[in-house]
C-alpha atoms as a PDB file:
ATOM      1  CA  UNK A   1       0.000   0.000   0.000  1.00  0.00           C
ATOM      2  CA  UNK A   2       1.494   3.297  -1.135  1.00  0.00           C
ATOM      3  CA  UNK A   3       0.558   6.923  -0.578  1.00  0.00           C
ATOM      4  CA  UNK A   4      -0.546   8.163  -4.014  1.00  0.00           C
ATOM      5  CA  UNK A   5      -1.561  11.687  -4.990  1.00  0.00           C
ATOM      6  CA  UNK A   6      -2.859  12.397  -8.465  1.00  0.00           C
ATOM      7  CA  UNK A   7      -4.542  15.188 -10.396  1.00  0.00           C
ATOM      8  CA  UNK A   8      -8.190  15.227 -11.483  1.00  0.00           C
ATOM      9  CA  UNK A   9      -9.455  12.391  -9.280  1.00  0.00           C
ATOM     10  CA  UNK A  10     -13.061  13.140  -8.280  1.00  0.00           C
ATOM     11  CA  UNK A  11     -16.091  10.942  -7.706  1.00  0.00           C
ATOM     12  CA  UNK A  12     -19.638  11.291  -6.454  1.00  0.00           C
ATOM     13  CA  UNK A  13     -20.971   9.545  -3.356  1.00  0.00           C
ATOM     14  CA  UNK A  14     -24.298   9.405  -1.541  1.00  0.00           C
ATOM     15  CA  UNK A  15     -22.788   7.825   1.594  1.00  0.00           C
ATOM     16  CA  UNK A  16     -24.178   9.067   4.903  1.00  0.00           C
ATOM     17  CA  UNK A  17     -22.709   8.847   8.400  1.00  0.00           C
ATOM     18  CA  UNK A  18     -19.093   8.606   9.553  1.00  0.00           C
ATOM     19  CA  UNK A  19     -18.034   5.316   7.967  1.00  0.00           C
ATOM     20  CA  UNK A  20     -16.284   4.339   4.753  1.00  0.00           C
ATOM     21  CA  UNK A  21     -17.380   6.197   1.621  1.00  0.00           C
ATOM     22  CA  UNK A  22     -18.834   4.201  -1.253  1.00  0.00           C
ATOM     23  CA  UNK A  23     -17.504   5.698  -4.471  1.00  0.00           C
ATOM     24  CA  UNK A  24     -20.149   6.191  -7.135  1.00  0.00           C
ATOM     25  CA  UNK A  25     -18.284   7.074 -10.317  1.00  0.00           C
ATOM     26  CA  UNK A  26     -16.191   9.896 -11.704  1.00  0.00           C
ATOM     27  CA  UNK A  27     -17.481  13.427 -12.118  1.00  0.00           C
ATOM     28  CA  UNK A  28     -17.425  14.480 -15.795  1.00  0.00           C
ATOM     29  CA  UNK A  29     -13.893  15.322 -16.944  1.00  0.00           C
ATOM     30  CA  UNK A  30     -12.280  13.562 -13.974  1.00  0.00           C
ATOM     31  CA  UNK A  31     -10.929  10.060 -13.324  1.00  0.00           C
ATOM     32  CA  UNK A  32     -11.992   7.522 -10.720  1.00  0.00           C
ATOM     33  CA  UNK A  33      -9.993   6.685  -7.611  1.00  0.00           C
ATOM     34  CA  UNK A  34      -9.380   3.234  -9.140  1.00  0.00           C
ATOM     35  CA  UNK A  35      -7.728   4.815 -12.204  1.00  0.00           C
ATOM     36  CA  UNK A  36      -5.903   7.668 -10.462  1.00  0.00           C
ATOM     37  CA  UNK A  37      -4.943   6.215  -7.066  1.00  0.00           C
ATOM     38  CA  UNK A  38      -5.194   2.436  -7.437  1.00  0.00           C
ATOM     39  CA  UNK A  39      -6.533  -0.463  -5.405  1.00  0.00           C
ATOM     40  CA  UNK A  40      -5.518  -0.666  -1.725  1.00  0.00           C
ATOM     41  CA  UNK A  41      -3.473   2.559  -1.826  1.00  0.00           C
ATOM     42  CA  UNK A  42      -3.814   5.537   0.504  1.00  0.00           C
ATOM     43  CA  UNK A  43      -4.389   9.136  -0.525  1.00  0.00           C
ATOM     44  CA  UNK A  44      -5.330  12.500   0.876  1.00  0.00           C
ATOM     45  CA  UNK A  45      -8.994  13.205   0.224  1.00  0.00           C
ATOM     46  CA  UNK A  46     -11.630  15.893   0.636  1.00  0.00           C
ATOM     47  CA  UNK A  47     -15.384  15.335   0.812  1.00  0.00           C
ATOM     48  CA  UNK A  48     -17.955  18.088   0.600  1.00  0.00           C
ATOM     49  CA  UNK A  49     -21.690  18.545   0.460  1.00  0.00           C
ATOM     50  CA  UNK A  50     -21.899  22.274  -0.045  1.00  0.00           C
ATOM     51  CA  UNK A  51     -25.676  22.531   0.420  1.00  0.00           C
ATOM     52  CA  UNK A  52     -25.226  21.383   4.047  1.00  0.00           C
ATOM     53  CA  UNK A  53     -21.863  23.093   4.762  1.00  0.00           C
ATOM     54  CA  UNK A  54     -20.367  19.694   5.574  1.00  0.00           C
ATOM     55  CA  UNK A  55     -16.771  18.989   4.571  1.00  0.00           C
ATOM     56  CA  UNK A  56     -13.810  16.897   5.591  1.00  0.00           C
ATOM     57  CA  UNK A  57     -10.128  16.578   4.627  1.00  0.00           C
ATOM     58  CA  UNK A  58      -8.098  13.548   5.595  1.00  0.00           C
ATOM     59  CA  UNK A  59      -6.013  10.517   4.763  1.00  0.00           C
ATOM     60  CA  UNK A  60      -8.001   7.628   3.350  1.00  0.00           C
ATOM     61  CA  UNK A  61      -7.396   4.056   2.228  1.00  0.00           C
ATOM     62  CA  UNK A  62      -8.998   2.483  -0.818  1.00  0.00           C
ATOM     63  CA  UNK A  63     -10.232  -1.074  -0.511  1.00  0.00           C
ATOM     64  CA  UNK A  64      -9.006  -3.885  -2.776  1.00  0.00           C
ATOM     65  CA  UNK A  65     -11.257  -2.974  -5.713  1.00  0.00           C
ATOM     66  CA  UNK A  66     -11.305   0.808  -5.100  1.00  0.00           C
ATOM     67  CA  UNK A  67     -15.071   0.817  -4.548  1.00  0.00           C
ATOM     68  CA  UNK A  68     -14.829   2.338  -1.053  1.00  0.00           C
ATOM     69  CA  UNK A  69     -12.572   4.838   0.681  1.00  0.00           C
ATOM     70  CA  UNK A  70     -12.022   4.331   4.408  1.00  0.00           C
ATOM     71  CA  UNK A  71     -11.560   7.626   6.209  1.00  0.00           C
ATOM     72  CA  UNK A  72      -8.409   6.601   8.094  1.00  0.00           C
ATOM     73  CA  UNK A  73      -7.323   9.945   9.602  1.00  0.00           C
ATOM     74  CA  UNK A  74      -9.349  13.166   9.632  1.00  0.00           C
ATOM     75  CA  UNK A  75      -7.078  16.221   9.384  1.00  0.00           C
ATOM     76  CA  UNK A  76      -9.690  18.993   9.222  1.00  0.00           C
ATOM     77  CA  UNK A  77     -13.460  19.125   9.073  1.00  0.00           C
ATOM     78  CA  UNK A  78     -16.595  21.145   9.618  1.00  0.00           C
ATOM     79  CA  UNK A  79     -17.096  18.977  12.741  1.00  0.00           C
ATOM     80  CA  UNK A  80     -14.270  20.453  14.847  1.00  0.00           C
ATOM     81  CA  UNK A  81     -11.720  18.353  12.927  1.00  0.00           C
ATOM     82  CA  UNK A  82     -13.480  15.070  13.731  1.00  0.00           C
ATOM     83  CA  UNK A  83     -15.216  12.713  11.307  1.00  0.00           C
ATOM     84  CA  UNK A  84     -18.285  14.364   9.810  1.00  0.00           C
ATOM     85  CA  UNK A  85     -21.615  12.574  10.160  1.00  0.00           C
ATOM     86  CA  UNK A  86     -22.587  13.301   6.559  1.00  0.00           C
ATOM     87  CA  UNK A  87     -26.275  13.886   5.880  1.00  0.00           C
ATOM     88  CA  UNK A  88     -28.213  12.599   2.873  1.00  0.00           C
ATOM     89  CA  UNK A  89     -27.451  14.095  -0.516  1.00  0.00           C
ATOM     90  CA  UNK A  90     -24.900  13.969  -3.273  1.00  0.00           C
ATOM     91  CA  UNK A  91     -21.330  14.693  -2.203  1.00  0.00           C
ATOM     92  CA  UNK A  92     -18.053  14.982  -4.059  1.00  0.00           C
ATOM     93  CA  UNK A  93     -14.954  13.159  -2.839  1.00  0.00           C
ATOM     94  CA  UNK A  94     -11.643  14.039  -4.439  1.00  0.00           C
ATOM     95  CA  UNK A  95      -7.896  13.655  -4.125  1.00  0.00           C
ATOM     96  CA  UNK A  96      -6.183  16.696  -2.628  1.00  0.00           C
ATOM     97  CA  UNK A  97      -2.903  17.774  -1.060  1.00  0.00           C
ATOM     98  CA  UNK A  98      -3.692  19.306   2.344  1.00  0.00           C
ATOM     99  CA  UNK A  99      -1.816  22.538   2.994  1.00  0.00           C
ATOM    100  CA  UNK A 100      -0.363  21.182   6.248  1.00  0.00           C
ATOM    101  CA  UNK A 101       1.197  18.277   4.319  1.00  0.00           C
ATOM    102  CA  UNK A 102       2.706  20.368   1.508  1.00  0.00           C
ATOM    103  CA  UNK A 103       6.405  21.146   1.098  1.00  0.00           C
ATOM    104  CA  UNK A 104       7.181  23.752  -1.546  1.00  0.00           C
ATOM    105  CA  UNK A 105       9.379  26.707  -2.465  1.00  0.00           C
ATOM    106  CA  UNK A 106       7.995  30.204  -1.987  1.00  0.00           C
ATOM    107  CA  UNK A 107       8.434  33.032  -4.513  1.00  0.00           C
ATOM    108  CA  UNK A 108      12.004  33.556  -3.251  1.00  0.00           C
ATOM    109  CA  UNK A 109      12.799  29.823  -3.631  1.00  0.00           C
ATOM    110  CA  UNK A 110      12.916  29.366   0.141  1.00  0.00           C
ATOM    111  CA  UNK A 111      11.448  26.093   1.485  1.00  0.00           C
ATOM    112  CA  UNK A 112       8.042  26.231   3.164  1.00  0.00           C
ATOM    113  CA  UNK A 113       6.617  23.345   5.141  1.00  0.00           C
ATOM    114  CA  UNK A 114       9.868  21.928   6.535  1.00  0.00           C
ATOM    115  CA  UNK A 115      11.793  22.548   9.703  1.00  0.00           C
ATOM    116  CA  UNK A 116      15.503  22.436  10.339  1.00  0.00           C
ATOM    117  CA  UNK A 117      17.958  22.287   7.453  1.00  0.00           C
ATOM    118  CA  UNK A 118      16.594  19.323   5.516  1.00  0.00           C
ATOM    119  CA  UNK A 119      16.104  21.472   2.413  1.00  0.00           C
ATOM    120  CA  UNK A 120      18.621  24.199   1.911  1.00  0.00           C
ATOM    121  CA  UNK A 121      21.143  25.610  -0.560  1.00  0.00           C
ATOM    122  CA  UNK A 122      23.974  23.658  -2.124  1.00  0.00           C
ATOM    123  CA  UNK A 123      26.626  25.536  -0.146  1.00  0.00           C
ATOM    124  CA  UNK A 124      25.067  24.467   3.155  1.00  0.00           C
ATOM    125  CA  UNK A 125      25.447  20.820   2.210  1.00  0.00           C
ATOM    126  CA  UNK A 126      28.821  20.529   0.498  1.00  0.00           C
ATOM    127  CA  UNK A 127      32.074  22.340   1.038  1.00  0.00           C
ATOM    128  CA  UNK A 128      33.272  21.173  -2.380  1.00  0.00           C
ATOM    129  CA  UNK A 129      30.148  21.075  -4.576  1.00  0.00           C
ATOM    130  CA  UNK A 130      31.001  19.180  -7.770  1.00  0.00           C
ATOM    131  CA  UNK A 131      29.222  18.415 -11.004  1.00  0.00           C
ATOM    132  CA  UNK A 132      29.743  14.708 -11.601  1.00  0.00           C
ATOM    133  CA  UNK A 133      30.165  13.573 -15.192  1.00  0.00           C
ATOM    134  CA  UNK A 134      30.541  10.113 -16.686  1.00  0.00           C
ATOM    135  CA  UNK A 135      33.614   8.066 -15.693  1.00  0.00           C
ATOM    136  CA  UNK A 136      34.427  10.410 -12.821  1.00  0.00           C
ATOM    137  CA  UNK A 137      34.815   9.618  -9.137  1.00  0.00           C
ATOM    138  CA  UNK A 138      34.540  12.430  -6.630  1.00  0.00           C
ATOM    139  CA  UNK A 139      34.284  12.753  -2.871  1.00  0.00           C
ATOM    140  CA  UNK A 140      31.698  15.192  -1.547  1.00  0.00           C
ATOM    141  CA  UNK A 141      32.450  16.470   1.935  1.00  0.00           C
ATOM    142  CA  UNK A 142      29.334  16.934   4.018  1.00  0.00           C
ATOM    143  CA  UNK A 143      29.056  17.766   7.689  1.00  0.00           C
ATOM    144  CA  UNK A 144      25.489  16.515   7.799  1.00  0.00           C
ATOM    145  CA  UNK A 145      26.098  12.990   6.437  1.00  0.00           C
ATOM    146  CA  UNK A 146      23.583  13.325   3.630  1.00  0.00           C
ATOM    147  CA  UNK A 147      23.529  14.451   0.038  1.00  0.00           C
ATOM    148  CA  UNK A 148      21.064  15.353  -2.670  1.00  0.00           C
ATOM    149  CA  UNK A 149      21.791  14.045  -6.138  1.00  0.00           C
ATOM    150  CA  UNK A 150      20.012  15.452  -9.161  1.00  0.00           C
ATOM    151  CA  UNK A 151      18.831  16.308 -11.608  1.00  0.00           C
ATOM    152  CA  UNK A 152      20.487  13.465 -13.510  1.00  0.00           C
ATOM    153  CA  UNK A 153      20.422  12.832 -17.241  1.00  0.00           C
ATOM    154  CA  UNK A 154      22.015   9.604 -18.415  1.00  0.00           C
ATOM    155  CA  UNK A 155      22.144   8.444 -22.036  1.00  0.00           C
ATOM    156  CA  UNK A 156      23.972   5.114 -21.510  1.00  0.00           C
ATOM    157  CA  UNK A 157      24.077   2.329 -18.926  1.00  0.00           C
ATOM    158  CA  UNK A 158      25.162   3.519 -15.489  1.00  0.00           C
ATOM    159  CA  UNK A 159      25.842   2.269 -11.970  1.00  0.00           C
ATOM    160  CA  UNK A 160      25.815   4.295  -8.770  1.00  0.00           C
ATOM    161  CA  UNK A 161      28.124   3.216  -5.962  1.00  0.00           C
ATOM    162  CA  UNK A 162      27.556   5.261  -2.834  1.00  0.00           C
ATOM    163  CA  UNK A 163      29.927   4.152  -0.106  1.00  0.00           C
ATOM    164  CA  UNK A 164      29.773   4.977   3.580  1.00  0.00           C
ATOM    165  CA  UNK A 165      32.793   7.212   3.096  1.00  0.00           C
ATOM    166  CA  UNK A 166      30.767   9.642   0.981  1.00  0.00           C
ATOM    167  CA  UNK A 167      32.380   8.609  -2.304  1.00  0.00           C
ATOM    168  CA  UNK A 168      30.034   8.771  -5.275  1.00  0.00           C
ATOM    169  CA  UNK A 169      31.160   6.899  -8.345  1.00  0.00           C
ATOM    170  CA  UNK A 170      29.414   6.935 -11.710  1.00  0.00           C
ATOM    171  CA  UNK A 171      30.752   4.160 -13.927  1.00  0.00           C
END
């Protein structure tokens, strides 16, 4: 079971109560959860019935044939952030990326949504930042015992050998 997020996943449901949501087919121009998320996977979801001002955002799990979505963890809702007891009527349930789960760069390319120095500039990671080309071995010195590699474009067969010493070899 993987966490999957995809664009344009939206279905209708007439499910009531606080239990699993029975998915009733894609809204026009959108794809089903089965097509966009896949059987038995988890995803972030939102459900709304606007005529009743009932809504919920959470983490859900699709069953084995993607016909139902179990509301595993409610993140926010119109019911004081608890599971909403949905009333009768047609609702839309769709894949979303909750703001509190997003990590992105702001207009100044500074990271938002992370703490510490997990995402930072190249100079903060390596004292000897190097572009690695084919048939080259280089040692990257890092005080934080981690590195980010990418973007990578490779036209031929390649092997990465990352040793505990911090040596990165592209053969």
